[in-house]
Amino acid sequence: MATVSDTYIENRERVQPDDANNYGTVHGGNVAKWMDEVGAMSAMRHAGETCVTARINRLDFDRPVPRGDICVIESYAYATGRTSVRVRLRAYREAPRTGEREQTTESYFVFVAVDDDMRPTEVPDLTLGSDRCRELRDEALAGEND
């Protein structure tokens, strides 16, 4: 059985000219795609099965990520249903030379575990292995309802 921290994944994408809009910042669709990919990895790490996106619960873009900066995607599973895994996702703008970081985007995705025939399959319960895991779960649950 996985703990919340076992599902934590952080990935980085350098915002290239092809990723940017005419304002010189990353396309929101690219950020959503990167979040979807990393979120699925967190869900699969917990479920031990292929996981597909079932729902995106809010997708708040608070700040842009300029071309040349790094888009950091942070993801972890925080709750499960019978066949679903709920994942909190946050994106950050990170300056490549200094590592200075600020949050730009937040969302909550629901993934469903599927078998080889693409039928929903049960997932194990997510455990809280530490106080930090409990804190992450509680933050995610509170954020879902904002």
Protein backbone atom coordinates (compact mmCIF):
# COMPACT_ATOMS: atom_id res chain seq x y z
CA MET A 1 0.00 0.00 0.00
CA ALA A 2 1.39 3.40 -0.99
CA THR A 3 1.61 6.43 1.25
CA VAL A 4 0.93 9.99 0.11
CA SER A 5 4.67 10.70 -0.02
CA ASP A 6 5.27 7.58 -2.16
CA THR A 7 3.17 9.22 -4.88
CA TYR A 8 4.95 12.59 -4.80
CA ILE A 9 6.45 13.49 -8.18
CA GLU A 10 8.08 16.71 -9.31
CA ASN A 11 8.88 17.31 -12.98
CA ARG A 12 10.38 20.23 -14.88
CA GLU A 13 9.78 21.58 -18.38
CA ARG A 14 11.83 24.45 -19.82
CA VAL A 15 9.42 26.84 -21.56
CA GLN A 16 10.68 26.90 -25.15
CA PRO A 17 9.56 29.28 -27.93
CA ASP A 18 7.21 26.60 -29.32
CA ASP A 19 5.54 26.36 -25.87
CA ALA A 20 4.84 30.10 -25.70
CA ASN A 21 2.04 32.33 -26.93
CA ASN A 22 2.43 35.72 -28.60
CA TYR A 23 2.81 37.32 -25.14
CA GLY A 24 5.99 35.32 -24.49
CA THR A 25 4.46 33.10 -21.82
CA VAL A 26 3.59 29.42 -21.78
CA HIS A 27 0.28 28.35 -23.32
CA GLY A 28 -2.20 27.30 -20.64
CA GLY A 29 -2.89 24.15 -22.64
CA ASN A 30 0.76 23.12 -22.32
CA VAL A 31 0.63 23.56 -18.54
CA ALA A 32 -2.59 21.52 -18.40
CA LYS A 33 -0.99 18.77 -20.49
CA TRP A 34 2.12 18.65 -18.30
CA MET A 35 -0.06 18.54 -15.18
CA ASP A 36 -2.15 15.73 -16.67
CA GLU A 37 0.94 13.67 -17.48
CA VAL A 38 2.60 14.09 -14.08
CA GLY A 39 -0.71 13.61 -12.25
CA ALA A 40 -1.26 10.31 -14.06
CA MET A 41 2.22 9.21 -12.93
CA SER A 42 1.30 9.88 -9.29
CA ALA A 43 -2.00 8.03 -9.69
CA MET A 44 -0.32 5.05 -11.37
CA ARG A 45 2.41 4.94 -8.73
CA HIS A 46 -0.34 4.45 -6.16
CA ALA A 47 -2.74 2.24 -8.12
CA GLY A 48 -0.16 -0.01 -9.71
CA GLU A 49 -2.35 0.14 -12.81
CA THR A 50 -2.76 2.37 -15.85
CA CYS A 51 -4.73 5.46 -14.85
CA VAL A 52 -6.74 7.74 -17.14
CA THR A 53 -8.06 11.22 -16.52
CA ALA A 54 -11.68 11.26 -15.40
CA ARG A 55 -12.11 14.84 -14.21
CA ILE A 56 -10.31 18.10 -13.70
CA ASN A 57 -11.73 19.92 -10.70
CA ARG A 58 -10.74 23.56 -11.30
CA LEU A 59 -7.68 24.74 -13.11
CA ASP A 60 -6.60 28.11 -11.76
CA PHE A 61 -3.96 30.06 -13.69
CA ASP A 62 -2.79 32.78 -11.30
CA ARG A 63 0.48 33.86 -12.95
CA PRO A 64 2.23 33.31 -16.29
CA VAL A 65 5.43 31.35 -16.85
CA PRO A 66 7.71 33.34 -19.18
CA ARG A 67 9.54 31.78 -22.10
CA GLY A 68 12.96 30.63 -20.90
CA ASP A 69 11.82 29.93 -17.35
CA ILE A 70 11.19 26.46 -16.01
CA CYS A 71 7.68 25.17 -15.31
CA VAL A 72 7.86 22.88 -12.28
CA ILE A 73 4.92 20.49 -11.85
CA GLU A 74 4.35 19.05 -8.38
CA SER A 75 1.92 16.17 -7.92
CA TYR A 76 0.75 13.74 -5.26
CA ALA A 77 -2.20 11.46 -4.59
CA TYR A 78 -4.20 12.39 -1.50
CA ALA A 79 -7.40 10.32 -1.58
CA THR A 80 -8.92 7.28 -3.25
CA GLY A 81 -12.30 5.93 -4.18
CA ARG A 82 -13.13 2.37 -5.25
CA THR A 83 -11.46 2.79 -8.67
CA SER A 84 -10.31 6.42 -8.52
CA VAL A 85 -7.29 8.34 -7.30
CA ARG A 86 -7.52 12.05 -6.47
CA VAL A 87 -4.35 14.01 -7.19
CA ARG A 88 -3.35 17.53 -6.21
CA LEU A 89 -1.28 19.39 -8.79
CA ARG A 90 0.57 22.66 -8.59
CA ALA A 91 2.73 24.40 -11.17
CA TYR A 92 5.48 26.88 -10.39
CA ARG A 93 7.57 29.32 -12.37
CA GLU A 94 11.23 28.74 -11.59
CA ALA A 95 14.09 31.01 -12.66
CA PRO A 96 16.75 28.74 -14.20
CA ARG A 97 19.74 30.65 -12.83
CA THR A 98 18.58 31.30 -9.27
CA GLY A 99 15.95 28.65 -8.56
CA GLU A 100 13.59 31.39 -7.38
CA ARG A 101 10.11 29.89 -7.49
CA GLU A 102 6.50 31.10 -7.31
CA GLN A 103 3.28 29.16 -7.71
CA THR A 104 1.42 29.86 -10.96
CA THR A 105 -1.27 27.21 -11.29
CA GLU A 106 -3.24 24.80 -9.09
CA SER A 107 -5.67 22.01 -9.78
CA TYR A 108 -7.18 18.77 -8.54
CA PHE A 109 -7.49 15.86 -10.97
CA VAL A 110 -9.34 12.56 -10.63
CA PHE A 111 -7.87 9.53 -12.37
CA VAL A 112 -9.49 6.12 -12.79
CA ALA A 113 -7.44 2.94 -12.75
CA VAL A 114 -8.16 0.67 -15.72
CA ASP A 115 -7.22 -2.87 -16.64
CA ASP A 116 -5.84 -4.07 -19.98
CA ASP A 117 -9.36 -3.92 -21.46
CA MET A 118 -9.77 -0.30 -20.27
CA ARG A 119 -12.36 -1.30 -17.66
CA PRO A 120 -12.21 0.41 -14.25
CA THR A 121 -10.36 -1.65 -11.67
CA GLU A 122 -10.15 -1.28 -7.91
CA VAL A 123 -7.32 0.63 -6.25
CA PRO A 124 -5.87 0.08 -2.78
CA ASP A 125 -6.44 2.54 0.03
CA LEU A 126 -3.94 5.34 0.37
CA THR A 127 -2.18 5.35 3.73
CA LEU A 128 -0.84 8.21 5.79
CA GLY A 129 2.65 7.12 6.72
CA SER A 130 3.67 10.27 8.58
CA ASP A 131 2.52 13.61 9.93
CA ARG A 132 3.75 15.20 6.66
CA CYS A 133 1.52 12.84 4.63
CA ARG A 134 -1.45 13.79 6.83
CA GLU A 135 -0.63 17.49 6.36
CA LEU A 136 -0.44 17.13 2.55
CA ARG A 137 -3.74 15.24 2.47
CA ASP A 138 -5.46 17.79 4.70
CA GLU A 139 -4.18 20.71 2.58
CA ALA A 140 -5.48 19.03 -0.58
CA LEU A 141 -8.89 18.29 0.93
CA ALA A 142 -9.22 21.90 2.13
CA GLY A 143 -8.15 23.22 -1.28
CA GLU A 144 -10.75 21.12 -3.09
CA ASN A 145 -13.47 23.08 -1.33
CA ASP A 146 -12.06 26.59 -1.88
